[in-house]
C-alpha cells in the first residue's frame, strides 16, 4: 500500500504541478477560456491511464523503447513550454492590463486544442509510468491495498497542486517565471536522463555500450534513488516558494505602509 501511495504521489505530483503552473499562467494572462481545455485534457489522461493500468496488470508493461520515446517527447514539450513562458513573461504586465476581452480576441480553437493536448500528454505520460510500475507490483501485493494506496497518493498530489492554483495569484509574477523556468528546465533534464536510461535498457542506442550505460544510469530510473529524491523535492520546493513569496510580499507591503 505504501509503495503504491508513494508511486502515485510522486508521479502525480510531477504531472499536477506542471498543470497547476499552466493554470496559474492562464489565469494571470486573463486567458481563462483555455482553463476548461486544461481540465478536459487532464480528465482524458486520467481515464486513459486508468484503463491502461488495467490492461497492463493483465498483459504486462510496455517496452522500454516506447517509455524512452515518451519521456523524450515530454522533455521537448517541457522545454518548448518553458521558452514560450519566458518570452511571454516579458510582456505579461501589458497583457494583464489589456484584460480579458483582448485575450478573448486572440484565442482560437487551435489554442484550445494545444492546451488540451499538452495537458493530456503531460498527465498521460506520468499516468503511463504509474500504470507500468503498479502493474509490475500487482502480482506481489494485495490488489485492494494497492488501490487504496494509489488513490491516496493521487489525492495528496492533487491537493498540493490545488494549493498552487488557489494561492498562485499571490505569487510575484517576475519571481514566478524565474522559478518555474528553473523548475521546468531541471524537470526536462530529468526526462532526458530517464529517456536515455530506457533506450539503453532496450539496447536501442548505437555506438555505445548499452549494458554499461543502463547500469550507470540506474539511479535515474523511476525506482532509482536520485529520481525519487528529485521527485520528492517537487513538493518541497513549490511549498517553500509559496511561503517565501507570501512573507516577502507582506514585508514589502508593510514597508510601503510605513513610508
Protein backbone atom coordinates (compact mmCIF):
# COMPACT_ATOMS: atom_id res chain seq x y z
CA UNK A 1 0.00 0.00 0.00
CA UNK A 2 2.69 2.49 1.00
CA UNK A 3 4.75 1.68 -2.09
CA UNK A 4 1.87 2.38 -4.46
CA UNK A 5 0.98 5.52 -2.49
CA UNK A 6 4.50 6.87 -2.99
CA UNK A 7 4.48 5.93 -6.68
CA UNK A 8 1.19 7.67 -7.43
CA UNK A 9 2.09 10.64 -5.22
CA UNK A 10 5.49 11.08 -6.86
CA UNK A 11 4.30 10.66 -10.44
CA UNK A 12 1.04 12.52 -9.87
CA UNK A 13 2.82 15.42 -8.21
CA UNK A 14 5.08 15.96 -11.19
CA UNK A 15 2.15 15.99 -13.58
CA UNK A 16 -0.26 18.05 -11.49
CA UNK A 17 2.32 20.70 -10.61
CA UNK A 18 3.02 21.30 -14.28
CA UNK A 19 -0.72 21.55 -14.89
CA UNK A 20 -1.01 23.90 -11.89
CA UNK A 21 1.71 26.11 -13.35
CA UNK A 22 -0.23 26.16 -16.63
CA UNK A 23 -3.44 27.16 -14.83
CA UNK A 24 -1.69 29.97 -12.97
CA UNK A 25 -0.19 31.15 -16.23
CA UNK A 26 -3.57 31.19 -17.97
CA UNK A 27 -5.24 32.94 -15.03
CA UNK A 28 -2.59 35.64 -14.78
CA UNK A 29 -2.69 36.31 -18.53
CA UNK A 30 -6.51 36.60 -18.50
CA UNK A 31 -6.89 33.55 -20.71
CA UNK A 32 -9.33 31.71 -18.51
CA UNK A 33 -11.25 30.49 -21.55
CA UNK A 34 -8.45 27.95 -22.04
CA UNK A 35 -8.69 26.58 -18.50
CA UNK A 36 -11.53 24.13 -19.40
CA UNK A 37 -9.21 22.75 -22.08
CA UNK A 38 -6.60 22.00 -19.42
CA UNK A 39 -9.13 20.26 -17.17
CA UNK A 40 -10.51 18.29 -20.12
CA UNK A 41 -7.03 17.13 -21.08
CA UNK A 42 -6.30 16.08 -17.51
CA UNK A 43 -9.60 14.18 -17.29
CA UNK A 44 -8.93 12.31 -20.53
CA UNK A 45 -5.40 11.42 -19.43
CA UNK A 46 -6.59 10.08 -16.08
CA UNK A 47 -9.26 7.96 -17.74
CA UNK A 48 -6.88 6.51 -20.32
CA UNK A 49 -4.19 5.93 -17.68
CA UNK A 50 -6.65 4.01 -15.51
CA UNK A 51 -7.69 1.85 -18.47
CA UNK A 52 -4.04 1.28 -19.37
CA UNK A 53 -3.29 0.23 -15.81
CA UNK A 54 -6.00 -2.43 -16.01
CA UNK A 55 -4.63 -3.72 -19.31
CA UNK A 56 -1.01 -3.74 -18.13
CA UNK A 57 -1.95 -5.62 -14.98
CA UNK A 58 -3.16 -8.40 -17.27
CA UNK A 59 -0.64 -8.42 -20.12
CA UNK A 60 2.48 -6.74 -18.65
CA UNK A 61 4.26 -3.41 -19.06
CA UNK A 62 5.06 -1.69 -22.37
CA UNK A 63 8.58 -1.83 -23.78
CA UNK A 64 11.46 0.28 -22.53
CA UNK A 65 11.93 1.76 -26.00
CA UNK A 66 8.48 3.35 -26.06
CA UNK A 67 8.85 4.54 -22.48
CA UNK A 68 12.03 6.28 -23.58
CA UNK A 69 10.32 7.81 -26.61
CA UNK A 70 7.51 9.18 -24.49
CA UNK A 71 9.95 10.66 -21.97
CA UNK A 72 11.96 12.29 -24.77
CA UNK A 73 8.87 13.82 -26.39
CA UNK A 74 7.75 15.05 -22.97
CA UNK A 75 11.15 16.68 -22.40
CA UNK A 76 10.88 18.53 -25.70
CA UNK A 77 7.36 19.68 -24.77
CA UNK A 78 8.53 20.97 -21.38
CA UNK A 79 11.46 22.86 -22.94
CA UNK A 80 9.15 24.43 -25.53
CA UNK A 81 6.69 25.44 -22.82
CA UNK A 82 9.50 26.96 -20.73
CA UNK A 83 10.82 29.03 -23.63
CA UNK A 84 7.31 30.16 -24.52
CA UNK A 85 6.53 31.19 -20.94
CA UNK A 86 9.82 33.09 -20.66
CA UNK A 87 9.08 35.06 -23.81
CA UNK A 88 5.54 35.83 -22.73
CA UNK A 89 6.78 36.93 -19.32
CA UNK A 90 8.42 40.00 -20.86
CA UNK A 91 5.03 41.30 -21.96
CA UNK A 92 3.00 39.89 -19.09
CA UNK A 93 2.17 43.17 -17.34
CA UNK A 94 0.87 44.74 -20.56
CA UNK A 95 -1.28 41.69 -21.32
CA UNK A 96 -2.80 41.67 -17.85
CA UNK A 97 -3.81 45.33 -18.10
CA UNK A 98 -5.34 44.75 -21.52
CA UNK A 99 -7.80 42.45 -19.79
CA UNK A 100 -9.99 39.54 -20.68
CA UNK A 101 -11.51 41.00 -23.85
CA UNK A 102 -8.18 41.35 -25.62
CA UNK A 103 -7.19 37.85 -24.60
CA UNK A 104 -10.50 36.52 -25.93
CA UNK A 105 -9.87 38.15 -29.29
CA UNK A 106 -6.51 36.39 -29.51
CA UNK A 107 -7.85 32.98 -28.56
CA UNK A 108 -8.83 30.35 -31.12
CA UNK A 109 -9.87 26.74 -31.44
CA UNK A 110 -6.22 25.99 -32.21
CA UNK A 111 -5.13 27.49 -28.89
CA UNK A 112 -7.81 25.43 -27.12
CA UNK A 113 -6.59 22.23 -28.77
CA UNK A 114 -2.95 22.98 -27.92
CA UNK A 115 -3.83 23.49 -24.26
CA UNK A 116 -5.93 20.32 -24.29
CA UNK A 117 -3.32 18.05 -25.86
CA UNK A 118 -0.43 19.47 -23.86
CA UNK A 119 -2.29 18.83 -20.61
CA UNK A 120 -3.39 15.38 -21.71
CA UNK A 121 0.12 14.45 -22.80
CA UNK A 122 1.90 15.66 -19.65
CA UNK A 123 -0.51 13.91 -17.29
CA UNK A 124 -0.77 10.92 -19.59
CA UNK A 125 3.00 10.42 -19.63
CA UNK A 126 3.07 10.23 -15.85
CA UNK A 127 -0.01 8.03 -15.96
CA UNK A 128 1.70 5.54 -18.25
CA UNK A 129 4.74 5.40 -15.96
CA UNK A 130 2.49 4.94 -12.93
CA UNK A 131 0.42 2.23 -14.60
CA UNK A 132 3.59 0.40 -15.67
CA UNK A 133 5.16 0.45 -12.21
CA UNK A 134 1.95 -0.53 -10.45
CA UNK A 135 1.41 -3.34 -12.95
CA UNK A 136 4.81 -4.74 -12.01
CA UNK A 137 3.72 -4.78 -8.36
CA UNK A 138 0.28 -6.26 -8.97
CA UNK A 139 1.47 -9.84 -8.64
CA UNK A 140 3.36 -9.15 -5.41
CA UNK A 141 0.78 -7.37 -3.24
CA UNK A 142 -2.87 -7.34 -2.27
CA UNK A 143 -4.79 -5.57 -5.04
CA UNK A 144 -7.26 -3.85 -2.70
CA UNK A 145 -4.43 -2.42 -0.59
CA UNK A 146 -2.67 -1.21 -3.72
CA UNK A 147 -5.83 0.54 -4.88
CA UNK A 148 -6.18 2.37 -1.56
CA UNK A 149 -2.56 3.49 -1.69
CA UNK A 150 -2.88 4.63 -5.30
CA UNK A 151 -5.99 6.71 -4.58
CA UNK A 152 -4.41 8.32 -1.52
CA UNK A 153 -1.29 9.19 -3.50
CA UNK A 154 -3.29 10.87 -6.26
CA UNK A 155 -5.38 12.78 -3.71
CA UNK A 156 -2.28 14.09 -1.94
CA UNK A 157 -0.69 15.15 -5.22
CA UNK A 158 -3.84 16.89 -6.44
CA UNK A 159 -4.26 18.63 -3.08
CA UNK A 160 -0.81 20.17 -3.29
CA UNK A 161 -1.40 21.19 -6.89
CA UNK A 162 -4.74 22.76 -5.87
CA UNK A 163 -2.91 24.87 -3.30
CA UNK A 164 -0.76 26.22 -6.09
CA UNK A 165 -3.80 27.13 -8.18
CA UNK A 166 -5.67 28.59 -5.19
CA UNK A 167 -2.88 30.82 -3.92
CA UNK A 168 -0.93 31.26 -7.14
CA UNK A 169 -2.33 34.75 -7.69
CA UNK A 170 -0.34 35.95 -4.70
CA UNK A 171 2.92 35.00 -6.35
CA UNK A 172 5.07 37.81 -7.71
CA UNK A 173 4.88 37.29 -11.47
CA UNK A 174 8.52 38.05 -12.20
CA UNK A 175 9.71 35.73 -9.43
CA UNK A 176 7.18 33.14 -10.55
CA UNK A 177 8.63 32.94 -14.05
CA UNK A 178 12.18 32.84 -12.75
CA UNK A 179 11.34 29.92 -10.51
CA UNK A 180 9.24 27.98 -13.00
CA UNK A 181 11.92 28.35 -15.69
CA UNK A 182 14.44 26.66 -13.39
CA UNK A 183 11.87 24.12 -12.18
CA UNK A 184 10.82 23.04 -15.66
CA UNK A 185 14.36 23.04 -17.07
CA UNK A 186 15.53 20.67 -14.33
CA UNK A 187 12.45 18.55 -14.92
CA UNK A 188 13.25 18.38 -18.64
CA UNK A 189 16.80 17.27 -17.85
CA UNK A 190 15.44 14.51 -15.64
CA UNK A 191 13.25 13.36 -18.52
CA UNK A 192 16.26 13.27 -20.85
CA UNK A 193 18.22 11.16 -18.34
CA UNK A 194 15.24 8.86 -17.98
CA UNK A 195 14.80 8.53 -21.76
CA UNK A 196 18.50 7.68 -22.13
CA UNK A 197 18.17 5.06 -19.40
CA UNK A 198 15.17 3.44 -21.07
CA UNK A 199 16.83 3.43 -24.50
CA UNK A 200 19.89 1.67 -23.07
CA UNK A 201 17.65 -0.91 -21.42
CA UNK A 202 16.08 -1.57 -24.81
CA UNK A 203 19.56 -1.74 -26.42
CA UNK A 204 18.43 0.89 -28.92
CA UNK A 205 21.42 3.27 -28.84
CA UNK A 206 24.11 2.73 -31.48
CA UNK A 207 27.86 3.18 -30.92
CA UNK A 208 27.61 2.87 -27.12
CA UNK A 209 27.74 0.04 -24.61
CA UNK A 210 24.04 -0.11 -23.77
CA UNK A 211 24.50 -2.57 -20.91
CA UNK A 212 27.13 -0.40 -19.22
CA UNK A 213 25.18 2.84 -19.51
CA UNK A 214 21.98 1.18 -18.40
CA UNK A 215 23.63 0.19 -15.11
CA UNK A 216 25.33 3.59 -14.79
CA UNK A 217 22.02 5.46 -15.14
CA UNK A 218 20.05 3.11 -12.88
CA UNK A 219 19.82 5.76 -10.10
CA UNK A 220 17.86 7.95 -12.58
CA UNK A 221 15.30 5.25 -13.33
CA UNK A 222 11.79 5.66 -11.83
CA UNK A 223 12.76 3.36 -8.97
CA UNK A 224 16.26 4.89 -8.61
CA UNK A 225 17.46 6.86 -5.60
CA UNK A 226 18.25 10.09 -7.48
CA UNK A 227 14.96 10.06 -9.32
CA UNK A 228 12.95 9.51 -6.14
CA UNK A 229 14.63 12.30 -4.18
CA UNK A 230 14.35 14.60 -7.16
CA UNK A 231 10.63 13.90 -7.41
CA UNK A 232 10.06 14.42 -3.69
CA UNK A 233 11.71 17.83 -4.00
CA UNK A 234 8.85 18.84 -6.31
CA UNK A 235 6.65 19.01 -3.24
CA UNK A 236 9.14 20.83 -1.03
CA UNK A 237 10.34 23.47 -3.49
CA UNK A 238 6.92 24.81 -4.59
CA UNK A 239 5.69 24.91 -0.99
CA UNK A 240 8.84 26.72 0.08
CA UNK A 241 8.44 29.17 -2.78
CA UNK A 242 4.85 29.93 -1.79
CA UNK A 243 5.92 30.61 1.80
CA UNK A 244 8.84 32.78 0.69
CA UNK A 245 6.79 34.93 -1.69
CA UNK A 246 3.98 35.29 0.86
CA UNK A 247 6.23 36.68 3.59
CA UNK A 248 8.31 38.65 1.09
CA UNK A 249 5.21 40.43 -0.23
CA UNK A 250 3.98 41.06 3.31
CA UNK A 251 7.31 42.65 4.20
CA UNK A 252 7.24 44.80 1.06
CA UNK A 253 3.67 45.96 1.70
CA UNK A 254 4.46 46.74 5.33
CA UNK A 255 7.44 48.84 4.26
CA UNK A 256 5.26 50.78 1.82
CA UNK A 257 2.66 51.47 4.50
CA UNK A 258 5.34 52.58 6.97
CA UNK A 259 6.75 55.06 4.48
